[in-house]
C-alpha atoms as a PDB file:
ATOM      1  CA  MET A   1      -0.452  -6.636  14.351  1.00  0.00           C
ATOM      2  CA  SER A   2       0.201  -8.113  10.925  1.00  0.00           C
ATOM      3  CA  ALA A   3       1.389  -6.286   7.824  1.00  0.00           C
ATOM      4  CA  ASN A   4      -2.149  -6.765   6.449  1.00  0.00           C
ATOM      5  CA  ASP A   5      -3.486  -4.910   9.490  1.00  0.00           C
ATOM      6  CA  VAL A   6      -1.156  -2.017   8.733  1.00  0.00           C
ATOM      7  CA  VAL A   7      -2.490  -1.798   5.160  1.00  0.00           C
ATOM      8  CA  ASP A   8      -6.089  -2.061   6.413  1.00  0.00           C
ATOM      9  CA  ALA A   9      -5.473   0.744   8.913  1.00  0.00           C
ATOM     10  CA  ALA A  10      -4.384   2.986   6.035  1.00  0.00           C
ATOM     11  CA  GLN A  11      -7.709   2.684   4.166  1.00  0.00           C
ATOM     12  CA  SER A  12      -8.922   6.178   5.047  1.00  0.00           C
ATOM     13  CA  MET A  13      -5.610   7.687   3.904  1.00  0.00           C
ATOM     14  CA  ILE A  14      -5.748   5.654   0.678  1.00  0.00           C
ATOM     15  CA  ALA A  15      -9.268   6.925  -0.054  1.00  0.00           C
ATOM     16  CA  LYS A  16      -8.160  10.496   0.607  1.00  0.00           C
ATOM     17  CA  ALA A  17      -5.147  10.053  -1.695  1.00  0.00           C
ATOM     18  CA  ALA A  18      -7.380   8.626  -4.440  1.00  0.00           C
ATOM     19  CA  LYS A  19      -9.615  11.701  -4.274  1.00  0.00           C
ATOM     20  CA  GLN A  20      -6.588  14.007  -4.452  1.00  0.00           C
ATOM     21  CA  LEU A  21      -5.245  12.102  -7.456  1.00  0.00           C
ATOM     22  CA  LEU A  22      -8.566  12.507  -9.276  1.00  0.00           C
ATOM     23  CA  ASP A  23      -8.396  16.248  -8.703  1.00  0.00           C
ATOM     24  CA  LYS A  24      -4.708  16.641  -9.612  1.00  0.00           C
ATOM     25  CA  SER A  25      -3.844  13.985 -12.187  1.00  0.00           C
ATOM     26  CA  SER A  26      -4.950  13.537 -15.766  1.00  0.00           C
ATOM     27  CA  PRO A  27      -6.376  10.141 -16.789  1.00  0.00           C
ATOM     28  CA  ASP A  28      -3.365   9.362 -18.990  1.00  0.00           C
ATOM     29  CA  ARG A  29      -1.031   9.325 -15.966  1.00  0.00           C
ATOM     30  CA  ALA A  30      -0.471   6.497 -13.517  1.00  0.00           C
ATOM     31  CA  ARG A  31      -2.151   7.123 -10.191  1.00  0.00           C
ATOM     32  CA  VAL A  32       0.037   5.798  -7.420  1.00  0.00           C
ATOM     33  CA  VAL A  33      -0.381   5.908  -3.647  1.00  0.00           C
ATOM     34  CA  PHE A  34       2.606   5.756  -1.293  1.00  0.00           C
ATOM     35  CA  ILE A  35       2.202   4.575   2.301  1.00  0.00           C
ATOM     36  CA  VAL A  36       5.031   4.696   4.836  1.00  0.00           C
ATOM     37  CA  SER A  37       4.647   2.797   8.070  1.00  0.00           C
ATOM     38  CA  HIS A  38       7.384   2.860  10.671  1.00  0.00           C
ATOM     39  CA  PHE A  39       7.909  -0.171  12.875  1.00  0.00           C
ATOM     40  CA  PHE A  40       7.810   1.934  16.049  1.00  0.00           C
ATOM     41  CA  ASP A  41       4.399   3.353  15.075  1.00  0.00           C
ATOM     42  CA  ARG A  42       2.864   0.089  13.903  1.00  0.00           C
ATOM     43  CA  PRO A  43       4.960  -2.994  14.708  1.00  0.00           C
ATOM     44  CA  TYR A  44       4.118  -5.908  12.435  1.00  0.00           C
ATOM     45  CA  VAL A  45       4.745  -9.606  13.035  1.00  0.00           C
ATOM     46  CA  GLU A  46       6.459 -10.194   9.677  1.00  0.00           C
ATOM     47  CA  CYS A  47       9.199  -7.654  10.423  1.00  0.00           C
ATOM     48  CA  LEU A  48      11.913 -10.338  10.540  1.00  0.00           C
ATOM     49  CA  ASP A  49      10.723 -12.187   7.428  1.00  0.00           C
ATOM     50  CA  LEU A  50      12.920 -11.875   4.362  1.00  0.00           C
ATOM     51  CA  LEU A  51       9.913 -11.387   2.060  1.00  0.00           C
ATOM     52  CA  ILE A  52       6.461 -10.258   3.117  1.00  0.00           C
ATOM     53  CA  ALA A  53       4.657  -9.860  -0.219  1.00  0.00           C
ATOM     54  CA  PRO A  54       3.455 -13.503  -0.161  1.00  0.00           C
ATOM     55  CA  ALA A  55       1.887 -12.911   3.268  1.00  0.00           C
ATOM     56  CA  LEU A  56      -0.168  -9.912   2.129  1.00  0.00           C
ATOM     57  CA  THR A  57      -3.731 -10.208   0.896  1.00  0.00           C
ATOM     58  CA  ALA A  58      -5.196  -8.188  -1.948  1.00  0.00           C
ATOM     59  CA  PRO A  59      -6.032  -4.687  -0.721  1.00  0.00           C
ATOM     60  CA  THR A  60      -9.342  -2.977  -1.323  1.00  0.00           C
ATOM     61  CA  LEU A  61      -8.410   0.038  -3.409  1.00  0.00           C
ATOM     62  CA  PRO A  62     -10.521   2.648  -5.174  1.00  0.00           C
ATOM     63  CA  ASP A  63     -10.729   2.083  -8.938  1.00  0.00           C
ATOM     64  CA  GLU A  64      -8.748   5.270  -9.513  1.00  0.00           C
ATOM     65  CA  ILE A  65      -5.570   3.768  -8.028  1.00  0.00           C
ATOM     66  CA  ASP A  66      -3.171   2.004 -10.429  1.00  0.00           C
ATOM     67  CA  ALA A  67      -0.571   0.997  -7.843  1.00  0.00           C
ATOM     68  CA  MET A  68       0.211   1.292  -4.171  1.00  0.00           C
ATOM     69  CA  TRP A  69       3.705   1.306  -2.732  1.00  0.00           C
ATOM     70  CA  VAL A  70       3.994   0.442   0.954  1.00  0.00           C
ATOM     71  CA  PHE A  71       7.238   0.928   2.844  1.00  0.00           C
ATOM     72  CA  PHE A  72       7.299  -0.959   6.115  1.00  0.00           C
ATOM     73  CA  ALA A  73      10.264   0.849   7.665  1.00  0.00           C
ATOM     74  CA  PRO A  74      12.968  -0.052   8.193  1.00  0.00           C
ATOM     75  CA  SER A  75      13.265  -3.017   5.825  1.00  0.00           C
ATOM     76  CA  HIS A  76      10.339  -3.951   3.571  1.00  0.00           C
ATOM     77  CA  LEU A  77       9.042  -2.307   0.412  1.00  0.00           C
ATOM     78  CA  VAL A  78       6.113  -3.855  -1.447  1.00  0.00           C
ATOM     79  CA  VAL A  79       4.078  -2.746  -4.445  1.00  0.00           C
ATOM     80  CA  TRP A  80       0.495  -3.672  -5.267  1.00  0.00           C
ATOM     81  CA  SER A  81      -0.311  -3.538  -8.973  1.00  0.00           C
ATOM     82  CA  ALA A  82      -3.976  -3.034  -9.790  1.00  0.00           C
ATOM     83  CA  VAL A  83      -3.357  -4.310 -13.332  1.00  0.00           C
ATOM     84  CA  GLU A  84      -1.538  -7.487 -12.297  1.00  0.00           C
ATOM     85  CA  GLN A  85      -3.554  -7.909  -9.091  1.00  0.00           C
ATOM     86  CA  ARG A  86      -0.509  -8.952  -7.082  1.00  0.00           C
ATOM     87  CA  TRP A  87       2.083  -7.774  -4.586  1.00  0.00           C
ATOM     88  CA  THR A  88       5.759  -7.634  -5.485  1.00  0.00           C
END
């Protein structure tokens, strides 16, 4: 499985988080989703790569989400910015 597959598999959780943020957060606050994926739960082929952000494609996120942090435990943390439309 690739890191992109891990993000794709989280789509239902992302949608649920977006709905919760609409209910709990005011529009003047950043709406951020955090996803944690452990290697033993979802091994990904890029696990030994130094950087994986360049390998990730743009996620499909609800409009309510400003950013998404994804921690691929144990070693990779990436952030998708809806404003900049890029992974870092």
